Amino acid sequence: MGEVIQNFLQQSGWESKLDEVKIMTEWDKFLGPSLAKHTKQVYIKNKKLHIRLNSSTLRQELSYKKSEIVKDLNSKVGKEVINDIILK
């Protein structure tokens, strides 16, 4: 049964969308509740995780760790879903 569902998700294109949702969910977990409250918008476009923050200090700090964050979030999902983070 699980294999049938997996095949359906792959063929319908929903698997990649579910992976994107997992990444966005992991973003809040990665930051933790006290820092996640500074996130105003999260979306994925062209394998880039776009994050809009209301804290320039947090944005600067995260910019130094972008490649590390990309690796960590992808590892949580078990595959490469994103290849970059755009901080705004």
N, C-alpha and C. Protein backbone atom coordinates (compact mmCIF):
# COMPACT_ATOMS: atom_id res chain seq x y z
N MET A 1 0.82 -1.20 0.00
CA MET A 1 0.00 0.00 0.00
C MET A 1 0.86 1.26 0.00
N GLY A 2 1.90 1.29 0.85
CA GLY A 2 2.77 2.46 0.94
C GLY A 2 3.48 2.76 -0.37
N GLU A 3 3.86 1.70 -1.08
CA GLU A 3 4.55 1.88 -2.35
C GLU A 3 3.61 2.46 -3.40
N VAL A 4 2.35 2.06 -3.37
CA VAL A 4 1.35 2.59 -4.30
C VAL A 4 1.17 4.09 -4.06
N ILE A 5 1.06 4.47 -2.80
CA ILE A 5 0.90 5.89 -2.46
C ILE A 5 2.14 6.67 -2.87
N GLN A 6 3.32 6.11 -2.60
CA GLN A 6 4.57 6.77 -2.97
C GLN A 6 4.64 6.99 -4.48
N ASN A 7 4.27 5.99 -5.26
CA ASN A 7 4.27 6.11 -6.72
C ASN A 7 3.28 7.18 -7.18
N PHE A 8 2.11 7.21 -6.56
CA PHE A 8 1.11 8.23 -6.90
C PHE A 8 1.65 9.63 -6.63
N LEU A 9 2.26 9.80 -5.46
CA LEU A 9 2.81 11.12 -5.10
C LEU A 9 3.88 11.56 -6.08
N GLN A 10 4.74 10.64 -6.49
CA GLN A 10 5.80 10.97 -7.45
C GLN A 10 5.21 11.35 -8.80
N GLN A 11 4.28 10.55 -9.29
CA GLN A 11 3.72 10.78 -10.61
C GLN A 11 2.85 12.04 -10.66
N SER A 12 2.19 12.36 -9.55
CA SER A 12 1.30 13.52 -9.55
C SER A 12 2.04 14.83 -9.25
N GLY A 13 3.29 14.73 -8.81
CA GLY A 13 4.04 15.94 -8.48
C GLY A 13 3.85 16.40 -7.05
N TRP A 14 3.05 15.68 -6.29
CA TRP A 14 2.79 16.07 -4.90
C TRP A 14 3.96 15.77 -3.97
N GLU A 15 4.81 14.82 -4.34
CA GLU A 15 5.93 14.47 -3.47
C GLU A 15 6.84 15.68 -3.25
N SER A 16 7.15 16.41 -4.31
CA SER A 16 8.03 17.57 -4.16
C SER A 16 7.35 18.66 -3.33
N LYS A 17 6.06 18.82 -3.47
CA LYS A 17 5.34 19.81 -2.66
C LYS A 17 5.35 19.42 -1.18
N LEU A 18 5.18 18.13 -0.90
CA LEU A 18 5.23 17.67 0.49
C LEU A 18 6.63 17.87 1.07
N ASP A 19 7.65 17.65 0.26
CA ASP A 19 9.02 17.88 0.72
C ASP A 19 9.24 19.36 1.04
N GLU A 20 8.67 20.25 0.23
CA GLU A 20 8.78 21.68 0.49
C GLU A 20 8.08 22.06 1.80
N VAL A 21 6.93 21.48 2.04
CA VAL A 21 6.22 21.75 3.30
C VAL A 21 7.05 21.27 4.48
N LYS A 22 7.69 20.12 4.33
CA LYS A 22 8.54 19.60 5.41
C LYS A 22 9.68 20.58 5.70
N ILE A 23 10.31 21.12 4.65
CA ILE A 23 11.40 22.08 4.84
C ILE A 23 10.90 23.31 5.58
N MET A 24 9.76 23.83 5.18
CA MET A 24 9.22 25.03 5.82
C MET A 24 8.86 24.77 7.28
N THR A 25 8.38 23.58 7.57
CA THR A 25 8.09 23.20 8.95
C THR A 25 9.38 23.09 9.76
N GLU A 26 10.40 22.52 9.15
CA GLU A 26 11.69 22.39 9.83
C GLU A 26 12.33 23.74 10.10
N TRP A 27 12.02 24.75 9.28
CA TRP A 27 12.58 26.08 9.49
C TRP A 27 12.21 26.60 10.87
N ASP A 28 10.94 26.52 11.23
CA ASP A 28 10.50 26.98 12.56
C ASP A 28 11.16 26.19 13.67
N LYS A 29 11.28 24.88 13.48
CA LYS A 29 11.94 24.04 14.49
C LYS A 29 13.42 24.40 14.60
N PHE A 30 14.04 24.68 13.46
CA PHE A 30 15.47 25.02 13.44
C PHE A 30 15.73 26.29 14.25
N LEU A 31 14.89 27.29 14.06
CA LEU A 31 15.09 28.56 14.76
C LEU A 31 14.67 28.50 16.22
N GLY A 32 13.64 27.72 16.50
CA GLY A 32 13.08 27.71 17.84
C GLY A 32 12.04 28.81 17.97
N PRO A 33 11.16 28.71 18.96
CA PRO A 33 10.03 29.64 19.06
C PRO A 33 10.43 31.10 19.27
N SER A 34 11.49 31.36 20.01
CA SER A 34 11.84 32.75 20.30
C SER A 34 12.37 33.47 19.06
N LEU A 35 13.05 32.76 18.17
CA LEU A 35 13.55 33.40 16.95
C LEU A 35 12.57 33.26 15.79
N ALA A 36 11.78 32.20 15.78
CA ALA A 36 10.83 31.97 14.69
C ALA A 36 9.79 33.08 14.61
N LYS A 37 9.53 33.75 15.72
CA LYS A 37 8.54 34.83 15.71
C LYS A 37 8.98 36.00 14.84
N HIS A 38 10.27 36.06 14.48
CA HIS A 38 10.77 37.12 13.60
C HIS A 38 10.61 36.77 12.12
N THR A 39 10.15 35.56 11.83
CA THR A 39 9.90 35.13 10.45
C THR A 39 8.52 35.59 10.04
N LYS A 40 8.46 36.35 8.95
CA LYS A 40 7.19 36.88 8.46
C LYS A 40 6.65 36.14 7.25
N GLN A 41 7.55 35.55 6.46
CA GLN A 41 7.11 34.83 5.27
C GLN A 41 8.15 33.77 4.93
N VAL A 42 7.67 32.58 4.54
CA VAL A 42 8.53 31.48 4.13
C VAL A 42 7.90 30.82 2.91
N TYR A 43 8.70 30.70 1.84
CA TYR A 43 8.23 29.95 0.67
C TYR A 43 9.44 29.45 -0.11
N ILE A 44 9.20 28.48 -0.97
CA ILE A 44 10.26 27.91 -1.80
C ILE A 44 9.92 28.16 -3.25
N LYS A 45 10.92 28.65 -3.98
CA LYS A 45 10.77 28.87 -5.42
C LYS A 45 12.10 28.53 -6.08
N ASN A 46 12.05 27.66 -7.07
CA ASN A 46 13.25 27.24 -7.81
C ASN A 46 14.35 26.71 -6.88
N LYS A 47 13.95 25.87 -5.95
CA LYS A 47 14.86 25.23 -4.99
C LYS A 47 15.56 26.22 -4.06
N LYS A 48 15.01 27.42 -3.94
CA LYS A 48 15.54 28.42 -3.03
C LYS A 48 14.51 28.69 -1.94
N LEU A 49 14.95 28.62 -0.70
CA LEU A 49 14.09 28.91 0.44
C LEU A 49 14.13 30.41 0.68
N HIS A 50 13.01 31.07 0.47
CA HIS A 50 12.90 32.52 0.67
C HIS A 50 12.34 32.78 2.06
N ILE A 51 13.08 33.57 2.82
CA ILE A 51 12.70 33.88 4.20
C ILE A 51 12.64 35.39 4.36
N ARG A 52 11.49 35.91 4.78
CA ARG A 52 11.37 37.33 5.10
C ARG A 52 11.37 37.46 6.62
N LEU A 53 12.32 38.24 7.10
CA LEU A 53 12.49 38.43 8.54
C LEU A 53 12.25 39.89 8.91
N ASN A 54 11.82 40.12 10.14
CA ASN A 54 11.64 41.50 10.60
C ASN A 54 12.79 41.96 11.49
N SER A 55 13.86 41.20 11.50
CA SER A 55 15.03 41.52 12.32
C SER A 55 16.28 41.53 11.44
N SER A 56 16.86 42.71 11.25
CA SER A 56 18.07 42.79 10.43
C SER A 56 19.25 42.09 11.11
N THR A 57 19.27 42.10 12.43
CA THR A 57 20.34 41.42 13.18
C THR A 57 20.28 39.92 12.94
N LEU A 58 19.09 39.35 13.04
CA LEU A 58 18.92 37.92 12.79
C LEU A 58 19.24 37.58 11.34
N ARG A 59 18.80 38.42 10.42
CA ARG A 59 19.07 38.21 8.99
C ARG A 59 20.59 38.16 8.75
N GLN A 60 21.32 39.08 9.34
CA GLN A 60 22.77 39.12 9.18
C GLN A 60 23.43 37.87 9.77
N GLU A 61 22.99 37.49 10.96
CA GLU A 61 23.56 36.31 11.62
C GLU A 61 23.30 35.05 10.80
N LEU A 62 22.09 34.89 10.29
CA LEU A 62 21.75 33.71 9.50
C LEU A 62 22.48 33.69 8.17
N SER A 63 22.78 34.86 7.62
CA SER A 63 23.47 34.90 6.33
C SER A 63 24.86 34.26 6.41
N TYR A 64 25.48 34.31 7.57
CA TYR A 64 26.79 33.68 7.74
C TYR A 64 26.71 32.16 7.76
N LYS A 65 25.53 31.62 8.04
CA LYS A 65 25.37 30.18 8.22
C LYS A 65 24.50 29.54 7.12
N LYS A 66 24.30 30.23 6.02
CA LYS A 66 23.37 29.75 5.00
C LYS A 66 23.67 28.34 4.52
N SER A 67 24.91 28.05 4.17
CA SER A 67 25.22 26.72 3.62
C SER A 67 25.00 25.64 4.68
N GLU A 68 25.33 25.94 5.91
CA GLU A 68 25.11 25.00 7.00
C GLU A 68 23.61 24.74 7.21
N ILE A 69 22.83 25.80 7.13
CA ILE A 69 21.37 25.68 7.30
C ILE A 69 20.77 24.85 6.18
N VAL A 70 21.21 25.09 4.94
CA VAL A 70 20.71 24.32 3.79
C VAL A 70 20.97 22.84 4.00
N LYS A 71 22.20 22.50 4.39
CA LYS A 71 22.54 21.08 4.62
C LYS A 71 21.68 20.49 5.73
N ASP A 72 21.51 21.23 6.81
CA ASP A 72 20.74 20.73 7.95
C ASP A 72 19.28 20.50 7.59
N LEU A 73 18.66 21.46 6.92
CA LEU A 73 17.25 21.32 6.55
C LEU A 73 17.06 20.17 5.57
N ASN A 74 17.93 20.06 4.57
CA ASN A 74 17.83 18.95 3.61
C ASN A 74 18.01 17.60 4.29
N SER A 75 18.90 17.54 5.26
CA SER A 75 19.12 16.26 5.96
C SER A 75 17.90 15.86 6.78
N LYS A 76 17.18 16.84 7.28
CA LYS A 76 15.95 16.54 8.04
C LYS A 76 14.90 15.88 7.16
N VAL A 77 14.88 16.26 5.87
CA VAL A 77 13.91 15.71 4.92
C VAL A 77 14.45 14.44 4.27
N GLY A 78 15.77 14.31 4.22
CA GLY A 78 16.38 13.10 3.65
C GLY A 78 16.71 13.20 2.18
N LYS A 79 16.64 14.40 1.62
CA LYS A 79 16.99 14.61 0.21
C LYS A 79 17.20 16.10 -0.02
N GLU A 80 17.80 16.43 -1.17
CA GLU A 80 17.99 17.84 -1.47
C GLU A 80 16.71 18.45 -2.01
N VAL A 81 16.13 19.31 -1.21
CA VAL A 81 14.90 20.01 -1.59
C VAL A 81 15.25 21.46 -1.94
N ILE A 82 16.20 22.03 -1.21
CA ILE A 82 16.64 23.41 -1.47
C ILE A 82 18.15 23.42 -1.69
N ASN A 83 18.63 24.43 -2.43
CA ASN A 83 20.07 24.56 -2.62
C ASN A 83 20.59 25.93 -2.21
N ASP A 84 19.69 26.80 -1.74
CA ASP A 84 20.09 28.13 -1.30
C ASP A 84 18.99 28.72 -0.42
N ILE A 85 19.37 29.73 0.33
CA ILE A 85 18.41 30.47 1.16
C ILE A 85 18.53 31.94 0.79
N ILE A 86 17.41 32.57 0.55
CA ILE A 86 17.36 34.00 0.26
C ILE A 86 16.74 34.66 1.50
N LEU A 87 17.51 35.50 2.15
CA LEU A 87 17.04 36.20 3.35
C LEU A 87 16.67 37.63 2.97
N LYS A 88 15.47 38.03 3.35
CA LYS A 88 14.98 39.38 3.00
C LYS A 88 14.59 40.10 4.27
